[in-house]
Amino acid sequence: MVWEDDDDSWFADCPVVLEFEEERLEINHQKLDELSITWCTIDVTRAPLWPTSDGFRLRWCDDAPAPLAARRGQALEAVELLEYAGGDLADGTVALGLRFADGWLTIYNALDENGIEVGEPFPQYRRHRLR
């Protein structure tokens, strides 16, 4: 995760990067309807890039936020694309559901940034299993 040092908080505009042994899964939501899912394209040993005019002091942090840190070392058991169908402006947006031994983690579009939800995906999602 990218951490913003001045606020001591997760910088949700940057990609969520999950490491699985030798592989890195990179998830990023932008705008209301853009989702990027990539493998091993981000070098987390280099400082995150962000327009300097914003004045953010950013760095990669491997132990936060807590919902991700809690899953460290757990095997990934299932992956689902989650298509939102709640009857509002967010209809059609896609989230990524990841099931670990202790339950689900959903990375969703939080209106032009990434959001994280712990627990069973909301019933407003149409679920498309990938694994």
N, C-alpha and C. Protein backbone atom coordinates (compact mmCIF):
# COMPACT_ATOMS: atom_id res chain seq x y z
N MET A 1 0.84 -1.17 0.00
CA MET A 1 0.00 0.00 0.00
C MET A 1 0.89 1.23 0.00
N VAL A 2 0.36 2.30 -0.54
CA VAL A 2 1.08 3.57 -0.49
C VAL A 2 0.57 4.33 0.73
N TRP A 3 1.51 4.82 1.50
CA TRP A 3 1.22 5.54 2.73
C TRP A 3 1.58 7.01 2.56
N GLU A 4 0.73 7.88 3.08
CA GLU A 4 0.98 9.32 3.05
C GLU A 4 1.47 9.72 4.43
N ASP A 5 2.77 10.08 4.51
CA ASP A 5 3.41 10.29 5.80
C ASP A 5 2.87 11.48 6.58
N ASP A 6 2.52 12.56 5.91
CA ASP A 6 2.05 13.74 6.65
C ASP A 6 0.74 13.45 7.39
N ASP A 7 -0.16 12.71 6.78
CA ASP A 7 -1.43 12.37 7.43
C ASP A 7 -1.36 11.04 8.18
N ASP A 8 -0.27 10.29 7.98
CA ASP A 8 -0.12 8.95 8.54
C ASP A 8 -1.35 8.10 8.19
N SER A 9 -1.62 8.04 6.86
CA SER A 9 -2.80 7.31 6.40
C SER A 9 -2.55 6.66 5.05
N TRP A 10 -3.39 5.69 4.74
CA TRP A 10 -3.35 5.02 3.45
C TRP A 10 -3.73 6.02 2.37
N PHE A 11 -2.94 6.06 1.28
CA PHE A 11 -3.20 6.92 0.14
C PHE A 11 -3.95 6.09 -0.89
N ALA A 12 -5.27 6.13 -0.86
CA ALA A 12 -6.12 5.22 -1.63
C ALA A 12 -6.15 5.50 -3.12
N ASP A 13 -5.52 6.60 -3.57
CA ASP A 13 -5.46 6.88 -5.01
C ASP A 13 -4.44 6.02 -5.75
N CYS A 14 -3.48 5.47 -5.03
CA CYS A 14 -2.45 4.63 -5.65
C CYS A 14 -2.89 3.16 -5.63
N PRO A 15 -2.29 2.34 -6.48
CA PRO A 15 -2.69 0.93 -6.57
C PRO A 15 -2.53 0.18 -5.26
N VAL A 16 -3.38 -0.81 -5.08
CA VAL A 16 -3.25 -1.79 -4.00
C VAL A 16 -2.39 -2.91 -4.58
N VAL A 17 -1.29 -3.25 -3.90
CA VAL A 17 -0.37 -4.28 -4.39
C VAL A 17 -0.34 -5.40 -3.35
N LEU A 18 -0.67 -6.60 -3.81
CA LEU A 18 -0.64 -7.79 -2.95
C LEU A 18 0.43 -8.73 -3.46
N GLU A 19 1.28 -9.21 -2.55
CA GLU A 19 2.34 -10.14 -2.95
C GLU A 19 1.96 -11.56 -2.56
N PHE A 20 2.15 -12.47 -3.52
CA PHE A 20 1.92 -13.90 -3.33
C PHE A 20 3.19 -14.61 -3.77
N GLU A 21 4.03 -14.98 -2.80
CA GLU A 21 5.33 -15.60 -3.09
C GLU A 21 6.10 -14.72 -4.08
N GLU A 22 6.30 -15.17 -5.30
CA GLU A 22 7.09 -14.43 -6.29
C GLU A 22 6.24 -13.51 -7.17
N GLU A 23 4.93 -13.48 -6.97
CA GLU A 23 4.03 -12.71 -7.83
C GLU A 23 3.45 -11.51 -7.07
N ARG A 24 3.15 -10.46 -7.82
CA ARG A 24 2.48 -9.28 -7.28
C ARG A 24 1.21 -9.01 -8.06
N LEU A 25 0.09 -8.96 -7.36
CA LEU A 25 -1.18 -8.58 -7.95
C LEU A 25 -1.40 -7.10 -7.66
N GLU A 26 -1.68 -6.33 -8.73
CA GLU A 26 -1.81 -4.87 -8.60
C GLU A 26 -3.22 -4.46 -9.04
N ILE A 27 -3.93 -3.78 -8.16
CA ILE A 27 -5.33 -3.42 -8.40
C ILE A 27 -5.46 -1.91 -8.24
N ASN A 28 -6.10 -1.27 -9.22
CA ASN A 28 -6.28 0.18 -9.13
C ASN A 28 -7.58 0.61 -9.76
N HIS A 29 -8.39 1.33 -9.00
CA HIS A 29 -9.63 1.93 -9.49
C HIS A 29 -9.39 3.41 -9.75
N GLN A 30 -9.89 3.90 -10.88
CA GLN A 30 -9.81 5.30 -11.22
C GLN A 30 -11.15 5.73 -11.78
N LYS A 31 -11.41 7.01 -11.72
CA LYS A 31 -12.68 7.55 -12.19
C LYS A 31 -13.80 6.71 -11.59
N LEU A 32 -14.96 6.72 -12.18
CA LEU A 32 -16.05 5.92 -11.62
C LEU A 32 -16.10 4.52 -12.20
N ASP A 33 -15.49 4.33 -13.38
CA ASP A 33 -15.68 3.05 -14.05
C ASP A 33 -14.42 2.41 -14.61
N GLU A 34 -13.25 2.81 -14.12
CA GLU A 34 -12.01 2.21 -14.63
C GLU A 34 -11.36 1.35 -13.57
N LEU A 35 -11.01 0.14 -13.97
CA LEU A 35 -10.33 -0.81 -13.09
C LEU A 35 -9.15 -1.39 -13.85
N SER A 36 -8.00 -1.38 -13.21
CA SER A 36 -6.79 -1.98 -13.78
C SER A 36 -6.35 -3.10 -12.85
N ILE A 37 -6.15 -4.29 -13.44
CA ILE A 37 -5.61 -5.44 -12.70
C ILE A 37 -4.39 -5.90 -13.48
N THR A 38 -3.23 -5.83 -12.84
CA THR A 38 -1.98 -6.22 -13.50
C THR A 38 -1.17 -7.13 -12.58
N TRP A 39 -0.17 -7.77 -13.18
CA TRP A 39 0.74 -8.65 -12.44
C TRP A 39 2.16 -8.15 -12.61
N CYS A 40 2.85 -7.92 -11.52
CA CYS A 40 4.30 -7.68 -11.48
C CYS A 40 4.76 -6.52 -12.38
N THR A 41 4.01 -5.44 -12.43
CA THR A 41 4.44 -4.29 -13.23
C THR A 41 4.93 -3.13 -12.38
N ILE A 42 4.65 -3.15 -11.09
CA ILE A 42 5.01 -2.04 -10.21
C ILE A 42 6.23 -2.42 -9.38
N ASP A 43 7.23 -1.57 -9.38
CA ASP A 43 8.44 -1.78 -8.59
C ASP A 43 8.26 -1.10 -7.23
N VAL A 44 7.94 -1.89 -6.21
CA VAL A 44 7.69 -1.32 -4.90
C VAL A 44 8.97 -0.95 -4.14
N THR A 45 10.12 -1.19 -4.76
CA THR A 45 11.37 -0.74 -4.13
C THR A 45 11.67 0.72 -4.48
N ARG A 46 10.93 1.27 -5.44
CA ARG A 46 11.08 2.68 -5.82
C ARG A 46 9.94 3.49 -5.22
N ALA A 47 10.20 4.73 -4.93
CA ALA A 47 9.18 5.60 -4.34
C ALA A 47 8.00 5.74 -5.30
N PRO A 48 6.78 5.78 -4.78
CA PRO A 48 5.61 5.98 -5.64
C PRO A 48 5.70 7.33 -6.34
N LEU A 49 5.26 7.37 -7.58
CA LEU A 49 5.25 8.62 -8.34
C LEU A 49 3.88 9.27 -8.22
N TRP A 50 3.88 10.56 -7.96
CA TRP A 50 2.65 11.34 -7.89
C TRP A 50 3.02 12.77 -8.23
N PRO A 51 2.12 13.50 -8.88
CA PRO A 51 2.46 14.89 -9.23
C PRO A 51 2.94 15.65 -8.00
N THR A 52 4.13 16.22 -8.08
CA THR A 52 4.74 16.89 -6.93
C THR A 52 3.99 18.14 -6.51
N SER A 53 3.16 18.69 -7.40
CA SER A 53 2.41 19.89 -7.05
C SER A 53 1.40 19.63 -5.94
N ASP A 54 1.03 18.36 -5.72
CA ASP A 54 0.09 18.04 -4.65
C ASP A 54 0.75 18.05 -3.28
N GLY A 55 2.07 17.94 -3.23
CA GLY A 55 2.80 18.02 -1.97
C GLY A 55 2.69 16.81 -1.06
N PHE A 56 2.32 15.66 -1.58
CA PHE A 56 2.22 14.47 -0.75
C PHE A 56 3.60 13.85 -0.53
N ARG A 57 3.83 13.34 0.67
CA ARG A 57 5.04 12.56 0.96
C ARG A 57 4.60 11.10 1.03
N LEU A 58 4.87 10.37 -0.07
CA LEU A 58 4.36 9.01 -0.23
C LEU A 58 5.48 7.98 -0.14
N ARG A 59 5.11 6.79 0.36
CA ARG A 59 6.05 5.66 0.40
C ARG A 59 5.24 4.38 0.40
N TRP A 60 5.89 3.29 -0.06
CA TRP A 60 5.25 1.98 0.02
C TRP A 60 5.33 1.49 1.46
N CYS A 61 4.25 0.91 1.94
CA CYS A 61 4.18 0.40 3.31
C CYS A 61 3.62 -1.01 3.24
N ASP A 62 4.32 -1.97 3.80
CA ASP A 62 3.88 -3.36 3.64
C ASP A 62 3.09 -3.91 4.83
N ASP A 63 2.77 -3.08 5.81
CA ASP A 63 2.05 -3.61 6.97
C ASP A 63 0.76 -2.84 7.27
N ALA A 64 0.22 -2.17 6.28
CA ALA A 64 -1.01 -1.40 6.52
C ALA A 64 -1.77 -1.28 5.21
N PRO A 65 -3.07 -1.06 5.23
CA PRO A 65 -3.90 -0.99 6.42
C PRO A 65 -4.16 -2.36 7.02
N ALA A 66 -4.74 -2.37 8.19
CA ALA A 66 -4.93 -3.61 8.96
C ALA A 66 -5.64 -4.73 8.21
N PRO A 67 -6.68 -4.46 7.41
CA PRO A 67 -7.34 -5.58 6.71
C PRO A 67 -6.41 -6.35 5.77
N LEU A 68 -5.43 -5.68 5.20
CA LEU A 68 -4.48 -6.38 4.34
C LEU A 68 -3.39 -7.05 5.17
N ALA A 69 -2.89 -6.36 6.17
CA ALA A 69 -1.85 -6.93 7.02
C ALA A 69 -2.32 -8.21 7.70
N ALA A 70 -3.60 -8.29 8.03
CA ALA A 70 -4.15 -9.47 8.70
C ALA A 70 -4.12 -10.70 7.81
N ARG A 71 -4.03 -10.52 6.51
CA ARG A 71 -4.04 -11.66 5.58
C ARG A 71 -2.64 -12.11 5.16
N ARG A 72 -1.64 -11.48 5.70
CA ARG A 72 -0.26 -11.85 5.38
C ARG A 72 -0.04 -13.33 5.67
N GLY A 73 0.50 -14.04 4.70
CA GLY A 73 0.82 -15.45 4.85
C GLY A 73 -0.33 -16.40 4.57
N GLN A 74 -1.53 -15.88 4.35
CA GLN A 74 -2.67 -16.74 4.06
C GLN A 74 -2.73 -17.07 2.57
N ALA A 75 -3.18 -18.27 2.26
CA ALA A 75 -3.36 -18.67 0.87
C ALA A 75 -4.61 -18.02 0.29
N LEU A 76 -4.54 -17.66 -0.96
CA LEU A 76 -5.70 -17.15 -1.68
C LEU A 76 -6.53 -18.34 -2.13
N GLU A 77 -7.79 -18.40 -1.71
CA GLU A 77 -8.65 -19.55 -1.99
C GLU A 77 -9.59 -19.35 -3.17
N ALA A 78 -10.00 -18.11 -3.42
CA ALA A 78 -10.93 -17.85 -4.51
C ALA A 78 -10.81 -16.39 -4.94
N VAL A 79 -11.13 -16.15 -6.22
CA VAL A 79 -11.14 -14.81 -6.78
C VAL A 79 -12.44 -14.63 -7.54
N GLU A 80 -13.10 -13.48 -7.34
CA GLU A 80 -14.33 -13.19 -8.06
C GLU A 80 -14.30 -11.75 -8.56
N LEU A 81 -14.78 -11.57 -9.77
CA LEU A 81 -15.10 -10.21 -10.23
C LEU A 81 -16.51 -9.93 -9.74
N LEU A 82 -16.69 -8.78 -9.13
CA LEU A 82 -17.96 -8.41 -8.54
C LEU A 82 -18.52 -7.22 -9.29
N GLU A 83 -19.65 -7.43 -9.95
CA GLU A 83 -20.28 -6.38 -10.74
C GLU A 83 -21.42 -5.77 -9.92
N TYR A 84 -21.31 -4.49 -9.64
CA TYR A 84 -22.30 -3.84 -8.79
C TYR A 84 -23.61 -3.64 -9.54
N ALA A 85 -24.72 -4.00 -8.90
CA ALA A 85 -26.06 -3.85 -9.49
C ALA A 85 -27.03 -3.41 -8.40
N GLY A 86 -26.74 -2.27 -7.81
CA GLY A 86 -27.56 -1.79 -6.70
C GLY A 86 -28.61 -0.78 -7.08
N GLY A 87 -28.73 -0.47 -8.38
CA GLY A 87 -29.76 0.45 -8.82
C GLY A 87 -29.42 1.91 -8.62
N ASP A 88 -28.13 2.24 -8.63
CA ASP A 88 -27.75 3.64 -8.48
C ASP A 88 -26.59 3.98 -9.42
N LEU A 89 -25.96 5.12 -9.22
CA LEU A 89 -24.90 5.61 -10.09
C LEU A 89 -23.74 4.63 -10.23
N ALA A 90 -23.51 3.81 -9.23
CA ALA A 90 -22.39 2.87 -9.26
C ALA A 90 -22.67 1.60 -10.06
N ASP A 91 -23.89 1.44 -10.58
CA ASP A 91 -24.22 0.24 -11.35
C ASP A 91 -23.19 0.00 -12.45
N GLY A 92 -22.76 -1.25 -12.54
CA GLY A 92 -21.81 -1.64 -13.57
C GLY A 92 -20.36 -1.55 -13.15
N THR A 93 -20.06 -0.89 -12.03
CA THR A 93 -18.67 -0.85 -11.58
C THR A 93 -18.25 -2.24 -11.15
N VAL A 94 -16.96 -2.51 -11.25
CA VAL A 94 -16.44 -3.84 -10.97
C VAL A 94 -15.45 -3.76 -9.81
N ALA A 95 -15.64 -4.66 -8.87
CA ALA A 95 -14.73 -4.80 -7.73
C ALA A 95 -14.05 -6.16 -7.84
N LEU A 96 -13.00 -6.35 -7.07
CA LEU A 96 -12.30 -7.63 -7.04
C LEU A 96 -12.49 -8.23 -5.66
N GLY A 97 -13.09 -9.43 -5.62
CA GLY A 97 -13.29 -10.15 -4.36
C GLY A 97 -12.23 -11.23 -4.22
N LEU A 98 -11.58 -11.26 -3.08
CA LEU A 98 -10.52 -12.23 -2.79
C LEU A 98 -10.88 -12.97 -1.51
N ARG A 99 -10.97 -14.30 -1.58
CA ARG A 99 -11.29 -15.07 -0.38
C ARG A 99 -10.02 -15.70 0.18
N PHE A 100 -9.76 -15.41 1.42
CA PHE A 100 -8.65 -15.99 2.16
C PHE A 100 -9.22 -16.91 3.23
N ALA A 101 -8.36 -17.59 3.97
CA ALA A 101 -8.82 -18.53 4.99
C ALA A 101 -9.75 -17.88 6.01
N ASP A 102 -9.50 -16.62 6.35
CA ASP A 102 -10.33 -15.96 7.36
C ASP A 102 -11.45 -15.12 6.78
N GLY A 103 -11.72 -15.26 5.48
CA GLY A 103 -12.86 -14.57 4.89
C GLY A 103 -12.51 -13.72 3.69
N TRP A 104 -13.51 -12.96 3.25
CA TRP A 104 -13.42 -12.18 2.02
C TRP A 104 -12.80 -10.82 2.25
N LEU A 105 -12.08 -10.37 1.23
CA LEU A 105 -11.55 -9.01 1.14
C LEU A 105 -11.98 -8.49 -0.22
N THR A 106 -12.66 -7.36 -0.26
CA THR A 106 -13.12 -6.77 -1.51
C THR A 106 -12.40 -5.45 -1.73
N ILE A 107 -11.82 -5.29 -2.91
CA ILE A 107 -11.20 -4.03 -3.30
C ILE A 107 -12.12 -3.44 -4.36
N TYR A 108 -12.70 -2.29 -4.04
CA TYR A 108 -13.77 -1.73 -4.86
C TYR A 108 -13.48 -0.28 -5.23
N ASN A 109 -14.31 0.24 -6.13
CA ASN A 109 -14.19 1.63 -6.55
C ASN A 109 -14.89 2.51 -5.53
N ALA A 110 -14.10 3.34 -4.85
CA ALA A 110 -14.63 4.25 -3.83
C ALA A 110 -14.68 5.67 -4.41
N LEU A 111 -15.31 5.79 -5.58
CA LEU A 111 -15.44 7.08 -6.27
C LEU A 111 -14.08 7.70 -6.58
N ASP A 112 -13.39 7.12 -7.54
CA ASP A 112 -12.12 7.61 -8.05
C ASP A 112 -10.93 7.25 -7.18
N GLU A 113 -11.07 6.26 -6.34
CA GLU A 113 -9.95 5.72 -5.59
C GLU A 113 -10.31 4.31 -5.15
N ASN A 114 -9.37 3.65 -4.53
CA ASN A 114 -9.59 2.29 -4.07
C ASN A 114 -10.26 2.29 -2.69
N GLY A 115 -11.12 1.32 -2.48
CA GLY A 115 -11.71 1.09 -1.17
C GLY A 115 -11.53 -0.36 -0.79
N ILE A 116 -11.52 -0.66 0.49
CA ILE A 116 -11.35 -2.03 0.98
C ILE A 116 -12.50 -2.35 1.92
N GLU A 117 -13.10 -3.50 1.69
CA GLU A 117 -14.20 -3.97 2.54
C GLU A 117 -13.86 -5.39 2.99
N VAL A 118 -14.08 -5.68 4.25
CA VAL A 118 -13.82 -7.00 4.81
C VAL A 118 -15.16 -7.69 5.05
N GLY A 119 -15.23 -8.96 4.74
CA GLY A 119 -16.45 -9.73 4.96
C GLY A 119 -17.07 -10.15 3.63
N GLU A 120 -18.13 -10.91 3.73
CA GLU A 120 -18.83 -11.40 2.54
C GLU A 120 -19.21 -10.22 1.64
N PRO A 121 -18.97 -10.33 0.31
CA PRO A 121 -19.36 -9.24 -0.59
C PRO A 121 -20.84 -8.90 -0.46
N PHE A 122 -21.15 -7.63 -0.61
CA PHE A 122 -22.54 -7.16 -0.51
C PHE A 122 -23.44 -7.90 -1.49
N PRO A 123 -24.70 -8.12 -1.13
CA PRO A 123 -25.63 -8.83 -2.02
C PRO A 123 -25.93 -8.06 -3.31
N GLN A 124 -25.60 -6.76 -3.38
CA GLN A 124 -25.82 -5.98 -4.60
C GLN A 124 -24.84 -6.33 -5.71
N TYR A 125 -23.86 -7.17 -5.41
CA TYR A 125 -22.89 -7.58 -6.42
C TYR A 125 -23.35 -8.83 -7.15
N ARG A 126 -23.19 -8.83 -8.48
CA ARG A 126 -23.29 -10.07 -9.27
C ARG A 126 -21.90 -10.68 -9.23
N ARG A 127 -21.81 -11.91 -8.84
CA ARG A 127 -20.51 -12.54 -8.60
C ARG A 127 -20.10 -13.42 -9.77
N HIS A 128 -18.88 -13.23 -10.24
CA HIS A 128 -18.31 -13.99 -11.35
C HIS A 128 -17.02 -14.63 -10.86
N ARG A 129 -17.05 -15.93 -10.59
CA ARG A 129 -15.90 -16.61 -10.02
C ARG A 129 -14.82 -16.79 -11.07
N LEU A 130 -13.56 -16.52 -10.68
CA LEU A 130 -12.41 -16.69 -11.56
C LEU A 130 -11.58 -17.88 -11.17
N ARG A 131 -11.57 -18.22 -9.93
CA ARG A 131 -10.71 -19.32 -9.45
C ARG A 131 -11.41 -20.06 -8.36
